[in-house]
Amino acid sequence: MAWFFLALLIALSVFAIILYNALVRKRQMVEEGWSGIDVQLKRRANLIPNLVETVKGYTSHENETLKSVTELRAEVGALPQDDVAGRARVEGMLSQALGRLFAVAEDYPDLKASQNFSDLHQSLDEIENAIQMARRYYNGAVRNLNVAVESFPSNLIASQFKFEKAEYFEIEDEADRAVPNVKF
């Protein structure tokens, strides 16, 4: 009978270790995902001054749009790296400001024809696509961690070792979620 209880204790210990290691792996994947987003956001932030200077050279009265992009870029840089919700909010506003910047470019044929502007625009598009892929990876890793933290029996280990749910990197602006109105 003592052997049975010893075997049961060993089996429960091994099971607990497996659950703990799975939680650690999931937490590391979330951190890796966030690092990927952070790298892409930094790439975008580094591209913005070149873009602003190129547009500034062709436009003289679009200062409000340029100022907005510059201020939001500075705000992104001032946020703590682990502030997921804050970064998501400000990055969403920065994306909108960049959209307005490209809309301004439509009014300046010389700017649109500029090879430098075209190259910067293409680079920004590539970075935006990389950001979207990084967000999907991160949010998938967050989902996996959150399910493990909340589901039985891993929630017992998670609560014991203070594993916490992570925040999703979500769109903050409701207008970005709206279905576009298409007219022919």
C-alpha atoms as a PDB file:
ATOM      1  CA  MET A   1       0.000   0.000   0.000  1.00  0.00           C
ATOM      2  CA  ALA A   2       2.885   2.399   0.754  1.00  0.00           C
ATOM      3  CA  TRP A   3       4.258   1.701  -2.724  1.00  0.00           C
ATOM      4  CA  PHE A   4       0.969   2.717  -4.265  1.00  0.00           C
ATOM      5  CA  PHE A   5       0.942   6.072  -2.475  1.00  0.00           C
ATOM      6  CA  LEU A   6       4.606   6.646  -3.316  1.00  0.00           C
ATOM      7  CA  ALA A   7       3.920   5.885  -7.001  1.00  0.00           C
ATOM      8  CA  LEU A   8       0.881   8.188  -6.934  1.00  0.00           C
ATOM      9  CA  LEU A   9       2.933  10.983  -5.329  1.00  0.00           C
ATOM     10  CA  ILE A  10       5.679  10.567  -7.927  1.00  0.00           C
ATOM     11  CA  ALA A  11       3.126  10.567 -10.774  1.00  0.00           C
ATOM     12  CA  LEU A  12       1.470  13.746  -9.440  1.00  0.00           C
ATOM     13  CA  SER A  13       4.869  15.416  -9.046  1.00  0.00           C
ATOM     14  CA  VAL A  14       5.856  14.552 -12.618  1.00  0.00           C
ATOM     15  CA  PHE A  15       2.485  15.814 -13.862  1.00  0.00           C
ATOM     16  CA  ALA A  16       2.931  19.080 -11.941  1.00  0.00           C
ATOM     17  CA  ILE A  17       6.421  19.519 -13.386  1.00  0.00           C
ATOM     18  CA  ILE A  18       5.095  18.951 -16.909  1.00  0.00           C
ATOM     19  CA  LEU A  19       2.335  21.528 -16.375  1.00  0.00           C
ATOM     20  CA  TYR A  20       4.782  24.029 -14.904  1.00  0.00           C
ATOM     21  CA  ASN A  21       7.174  23.638 -17.840  1.00  0.00           C
ATOM     22  CA  ALA A  22       4.299  24.035 -20.307  1.00  0.00           C
ATOM     23  CA  LEU A  23       3.292  27.293 -18.598  1.00  0.00           C
ATOM     24  CA  VAL A  24       6.879  28.549 -18.713  1.00  0.00           C
ATOM     25  CA  ARG A  25       7.075  27.701 -22.431  1.00  0.00           C
ATOM     26  CA  LYS A  26       3.830  29.569 -23.120  1.00  0.00           C
ATOM     27  CA  ARG A  27       4.987  32.618 -21.151  1.00  0.00           C
ATOM     28  CA  GLN A  28       8.257  32.636 -23.097  1.00  0.00           C
ATOM     29  CA  MET A  29       6.338  32.487 -26.383  1.00  0.00           C
ATOM     30  CA  VAL A  30       4.325  35.539 -25.294  1.00  0.00           C
ATOM     31  CA  GLU A  31       7.541  37.398 -24.493  1.00  0.00           C
ATOM     32  CA  GLU A  32       9.038  36.330 -27.823  1.00  0.00           C
ATOM     33  CA  GLY A  33       5.906  37.516 -29.614  1.00  0.00           C
ATOM     34  CA  TRP A  34       6.021  40.885 -27.895  1.00  0.00           C
ATOM     35  CA  SER A  35       9.688  41.215 -28.794  1.00  0.00           C
ATOM     36  CA  GLY A  36       8.788  40.631 -32.447  1.00  0.00           C
ATOM     37  CA  ILE A  37       6.147  43.349 -32.332  1.00  0.00           C
ATOM     38  CA  ASP A  38       8.566  45.704 -30.597  1.00  0.00           C
ATOM     39  CA  VAL A  39      11.236  45.164 -33.268  1.00  0.00           C
ATOM     40  CA  GLN A  40       8.789  45.933 -36.080  1.00  0.00           C
ATOM     41  CA  LEU A  41       7.416  48.996 -34.281  1.00  0.00           C
ATOM     42  CA  LYS A  42      10.973  50.301 -33.838  1.00  0.00           C
ATOM     43  CA  ARG A  43      11.650  49.747 -37.546  1.00  0.00           C
ATOM     44  CA  ARG A  44       8.547  51.780 -38.349  1.00  0.00           C
ATOM     45  CA  ALA A  45       9.496  54.501 -35.870  1.00  0.00           C
ATOM     46  CA  ASN A  46      12.954  54.753 -37.432  1.00  0.00           C
ATOM     47  CA  LEU A  47      11.450  55.138 -40.907  1.00  0.00           C
ATOM     48  CA  ILE A  48       9.040  57.917 -39.931  1.00  0.00           C
ATOM     49  CA  PRO A  49      11.579  60.803 -39.695  1.00  0.00           C
ATOM     50  CA  ASN A  50      12.753  60.097 -43.259  1.00  0.00           C
ATOM     51  CA  LEU A  51       9.176  59.996 -44.456  1.00  0.00           C
ATOM     52  CA  VAL A  52       8.277  63.232 -42.677  1.00  0.00           C
ATOM     53  CA  GLU A  53      11.329  65.027 -44.081  1.00  0.00           C
ATOM     54  CA  THR A  54      10.529  63.848 -47.606  1.00  0.00           C
ATOM     55  CA  VAL A  55       6.942  65.049 -47.348  1.00  0.00           C
ATOM     56  CA  LYS A  56       8.062  68.304 -45.712  1.00  0.00           C
ATOM     57  CA  GLY A  57      10.237  69.039 -48.716  1.00  0.00           C
ATOM     58  CA  TYR A  58       7.219  68.988 -51.029  1.00  0.00           C
ATOM     59  CA  THR A  59       4.514  70.444 -48.826  1.00  0.00           C
ATOM     60  CA  SER A  60       4.550  73.733 -47.062  1.00  0.00           C
ATOM     61  CA  HIS A  61       1.112  74.009 -45.476  1.00  0.00           C
ATOM     62  CA  GLU A  62       0.565  70.488 -44.129  1.00  0.00           C
ATOM     63  CA  ASN A  63       2.300  71.191 -40.849  1.00  0.00           C
ATOM     64  CA  GLU A  64      -0.548  69.854 -38.675  1.00  0.00           C
ATOM     65  CA  THR A  65      -0.328  66.375 -40.203  1.00  0.00           C
ATOM     66  CA  LEU A  66       3.462  66.321 -39.999  1.00  0.00           C
ATOM     67  CA  LYS A  67       3.374  67.576 -36.414  1.00  0.00           C
ATOM     68  CA  SER A  68       0.855  64.891 -35.438  1.00  0.00           C
ATOM     69  CA  VAL A  69       3.011  62.093 -36.873  1.00  0.00           C
ATOM     70  CA  THR A  70       6.132  63.455 -35.182  1.00  0.00           C
ATOM     71  CA  GLU A  71       4.431  63.871 -31.795  1.00  0.00           C
ATOM     72  CA  LEU A  72       2.920  60.386 -31.871  1.00  0.00           C
ATOM     73  CA  ARG A  73       6.288  58.873 -32.772  1.00  0.00           C
ATOM     74  CA  ALA A  74       7.807  60.631 -29.750  1.00  0.00           C
ATOM     75  CA  GLU A  75       4.944  59.404 -27.549  1.00  0.00           C
ATOM     76  CA  VAL A  76       5.557  55.820 -28.674  1.00  0.00           C
ATOM     77  CA  GLY A  77       9.214  56.163 -27.732  1.00  0.00           C
ATOM     78  CA  ALA A  78       8.323  57.438 -24.267  1.00  0.00           C
ATOM     79  CA  LEU A  79       6.053  54.506 -23.374  1.00  0.00           C
ATOM     80  CA  PRO A  80       7.392  51.639 -21.246  1.00  0.00           C
ATOM     81  CA  GLN A  81       8.245  48.630 -23.390  1.00  0.00           C
ATOM     82  CA  ASP A  82       5.929  46.285 -21.463  1.00  0.00           C
ATOM     83  CA  ASP A  83       2.850  48.562 -21.623  1.00  0.00           C
ATOM     84  CA  VAL A  84       0.912  46.497 -24.176  1.00  0.00           C
ATOM     85  CA  ALA A  85      -2.376  48.391 -23.920  1.00  0.00           C
ATOM     86  CA  GLY A  86      -0.710  51.808 -24.049  1.00  0.00           C
ATOM     87  CA  ARG A  87       1.466  50.837 -26.991  1.00  0.00           C
ATOM     88  CA  ALA A  88      -1.533  49.402 -28.858  1.00  0.00           C
ATOM     89  CA  ARG A  89      -3.471  52.646 -28.326  1.00  0.00           C
ATOM     90  CA  VAL A  90      -0.687  54.980 -29.424  1.00  0.00           C
ATOM     91  CA  GLU A  91       0.420  52.747 -32.308  1.00  0.00           C
ATOM     92  CA  GLY A  92      -3.166  52.764 -33.581  1.00  0.00           C
ATOM     93  CA  MET A  93      -3.217  56.565 -33.495  1.00  0.00           C
ATOM     94  CA  LEU A  94       0.166  56.639 -35.249  1.00  0.00           C
ATOM     95  CA  SER A  95      -1.165  54.349 -37.988  1.00  0.00           C
ATOM     96  CA  GLN A  96      -4.088  56.738 -38.515  1.00  0.00           C
ATOM     97  CA  ALA A  97      -1.729  59.718 -38.653  1.00  0.00           C
ATOM     98  CA  LEU A  98       0.438  57.937 -41.226  1.00  0.00           C
ATOM     99  CA  GLY A  99      -2.698  57.240 -43.253  1.00  0.00           C
ATOM    100  CA  ARG A 100      -3.484  60.968 -43.208  1.00  0.00           C
ATOM    101  CA  LEU A 101       0.103  61.680 -44.256  1.00  0.00           C
ATOM    102  CA  PHE A 102      -0.259  59.444 -47.294  1.00  0.00           C
ATOM    103  CA  ALA A 103      -3.604  61.045 -48.077  1.00  0.00           C
ATOM    104  CA  VAL A 104      -1.842  64.419 -48.083  1.00  0.00           C
ATOM    105  CA  ALA A 105       0.682  63.002 -50.543  1.00  0.00           C
ATOM    106  CA  GLU A 106      -2.150  62.372 -53.001  1.00  0.00           C
ATOM    107  CA  ASP A 107      -2.506  66.143 -53.420  1.00  0.00           C
ATOM    108  CA  TYR A 108       1.145  66.522 -54.501  1.00  0.00           C
ATOM    109  CA  PRO A 109       1.920  64.785 -57.799  1.00  0.00           C
ATOM    110  CA  ASP A 110       5.616  65.676 -57.550  1.00  0.00           C
ATOM    111  CA  LEU A 111       5.783  64.011 -54.153  1.00  0.00           C
ATOM    112  CA  LYS A 112       3.985  60.897 -55.363  1.00  0.00           C
ATOM    113  CA  ALA A 113       6.426  60.702 -58.293  1.00  0.00           C
ATOM    114  CA  SER A 114       9.466  61.032 -56.017  1.00  0.00           C
ATOM    115  CA  GLN A 115      11.503  57.816 -55.942  1.00  0.00           C
ATOM    116  CA  ASN A 116      12.543  58.502 -52.353  1.00  0.00           C
ATOM    117  CA  PHE A 117       8.914  58.852 -51.250  1.00  0.00           C
ATOM    118  CA  SER A 118       7.948  55.766 -53.218  1.00  0.00           C
ATOM    119  CA  ASP A 119      10.738  53.725 -51.607  1.00  0.00           C
ATOM    120  CA  LEU A 120       9.789  54.940 -48.132  1.00  0.00           C
ATOM    121  CA  HIS A 121       6.120  54.179 -48.783  1.00  0.00           C
ATOM    122  CA  GLN A 122       6.977  50.653 -49.954  1.00  0.00           C
ATOM    123  CA  SER A 123       9.222  50.093 -46.920  1.00  0.00           C
ATOM    124  CA  LEU A 124       6.450  51.270 -44.625  1.00  0.00           C
ATOM    125  CA  ASP A 125       3.979  48.902 -46.287  1.00  0.00           C
ATOM    126  CA  GLU A 126       6.392  46.004 -45.762  1.00  0.00           C
ATOM    127  CA  ILE A 127       6.860  46.956 -42.121  1.00  0.00           C
ATOM    128  CA  GLU A 128       3.097  47.250 -41.584  1.00  0.00           C
ATOM    129  CA  ASN A 129       2.684  43.718 -42.965  1.00  0.00           C
ATOM    130  CA  ALA A 130       5.438  42.464 -40.658  1.00  0.00           C
ATOM    131  CA  ILE A 131       3.723  44.195 -37.710  1.00  0.00           C
ATOM    132  CA  GLN A 132       0.455  42.435 -38.565  1.00  0.00           C
ATOM    133  CA  MET A 133       2.190  39.050 -38.670  1.00  0.00           C
ATOM    134  CA  ALA A 134       3.941  39.770 -35.375  1.00  0.00           C
ATOM    135  CA  ARG A 135       0.626  40.817 -33.796  1.00  0.00           C
ATOM    136  CA  ARG A 136      -1.034  37.589 -34.920  1.00  0.00           C
ATOM    137  CA  TYR A 137       1.811  35.517 -33.486  1.00  0.00           C
ATOM    138  CA  TYR A 138       1.773  37.463 -30.220  1.00  0.00           C
ATOM    139  CA  ASN A 139      -2.005  37.277 -29.817  1.00  0.00           C
ATOM    140  CA  GLY A 140      -1.913  33.518 -30.526  1.00  0.00           C
ATOM    141  CA  ALA A 141       0.755  33.059 -27.863  1.00  0.00           C
ATOM    142  CA  VAL A 142      -1.295  35.182 -25.432  1.00  0.00           C
ATOM    143  CA  ARG A 143      -4.382  33.067 -26.156  1.00  0.00           C
ATOM    144  CA  ASN A 144      -2.455  29.852 -25.451  1.00  0.00           C
ATOM    145  CA  LEU A 145      -1.046  31.210 -22.196  1.00  0.00           C
ATOM    146  CA  ASN A 146      -4.392  32.584 -21.043  1.00  0.00           C
ATOM    147  CA  VAL A 147      -6.156  29.273 -21.742  1.00  0.00           C
ATOM    148  CA  ALA A 148      -3.512  27.405 -19.772  1.00  0.00           C
ATOM    149  CA  VAL A 149      -3.662  29.884 -16.879  1.00  0.00           C
ATOM    150  CA  GLU A 150      -7.453  29.591 -16.645  1.00  0.00           C
ATOM    151  CA  SER A 151      -8.069  25.906 -17.390  1.00  0.00           C
ATOM    152  CA  PHE A 152      -7.976  23.005 -14.961  1.00  0.00           C
ATOM    153  CA  PRO A 153      -5.602  21.496 -13.810  1.00  0.00           C
ATOM    154  CA  SER A 154      -2.922  23.875 -15.076  1.00  0.00           C
ATOM    155  CA  ASN A 155      -4.664  26.760 -13.278  1.00  0.00           C
ATOM    156  CA  LEU A 156      -3.645  25.141  -9.976  1.00  0.00           C
ATOM    157  CA  ILE A 157       0.021  25.304 -10.941  1.00  0.00           C
ATOM    158  CA  ALA A 158      -0.404  28.752 -12.521  1.00  0.00           C
ATOM    159  CA  SER A 159      -1.912  30.234  -9.375  1.00  0.00           C
ATOM    160  CA  GLN A 160       0.674  28.556  -7.161  1.00  0.00           C
ATOM    161  CA  PHE A 161       3.593  29.987  -9.165  1.00  0.00           C
ATOM    162  CA  LYS A 162       1.951  33.334  -9.989  1.00  0.00           C
ATOM    163  CA  PHE A 163       1.538  32.900 -13.745  1.00  0.00           C
ATOM    164  CA  GLU A 164      -0.780  35.656 -14.961  1.00  0.00           C
ATOM    165  CA  LYS A 165      -2.891  36.249 -18.029  1.00  0.00           C
ATOM    166  CA  ALA A 166      -1.295  38.439 -20.678  1.00  0.00           C
ATOM    167  CA  GLU A 167      -2.923  41.323 -22.560  1.00  0.00           C
ATOM    168  CA  TYR A 168      -3.825  41.073 -26.226  1.00  0.00           C
ATOM    169  CA  PHE A 169      -2.455  43.631 -28.665  1.00  0.00           C
ATOM    170  CA  GLU A 170      -5.806  44.928 -29.924  1.00  0.00           C
ATOM    171  CA  ILE A 171      -7.148  47.693 -32.116  1.00  0.00           C
ATOM    172  CA  GLU A 172      -8.327  50.543 -29.935  1.00  0.00           C
ATOM    173  CA  ASP A 173     -10.097  52.670 -32.539  1.00  0.00           C
ATOM    174  CA  GLU A 174     -13.625  51.478 -33.313  1.00  0.00           C
ATOM    175  CA  ALA A 175     -13.416  53.130 -36.756  1.00  0.00           C
ATOM    176  CA  ASP A 176     -10.711  50.607 -37.716  1.00  0.00           C
ATOM    177  CA  ARG A 177     -13.180  47.788 -37.022  1.00  0.00           C
ATOM    178  CA  ALA A 178     -15.978  49.286 -39.097  1.00  0.00           C
ATOM    179  CA  VAL A 179     -16.936  47.672 -42.375  1.00  0.00           C
ATOM    180  CA  PRO A 180     -16.035  50.044 -45.199  1.00  0.00           C
ATOM    181  CA  ASN A 181     -18.877  51.440 -47.269  1.00  0.00           C
ATOM    182  CA  VAL A 182     -18.222  50.480 -50.899  1.00  0.00           C
ATOM    183  CA  LYS A 183     -20.186  52.214 -53.660  1.00  0.00           C
ATOM    184  CA  PHE A 184     -19.988  51.511 -57.378  1.00  0.00           C
END
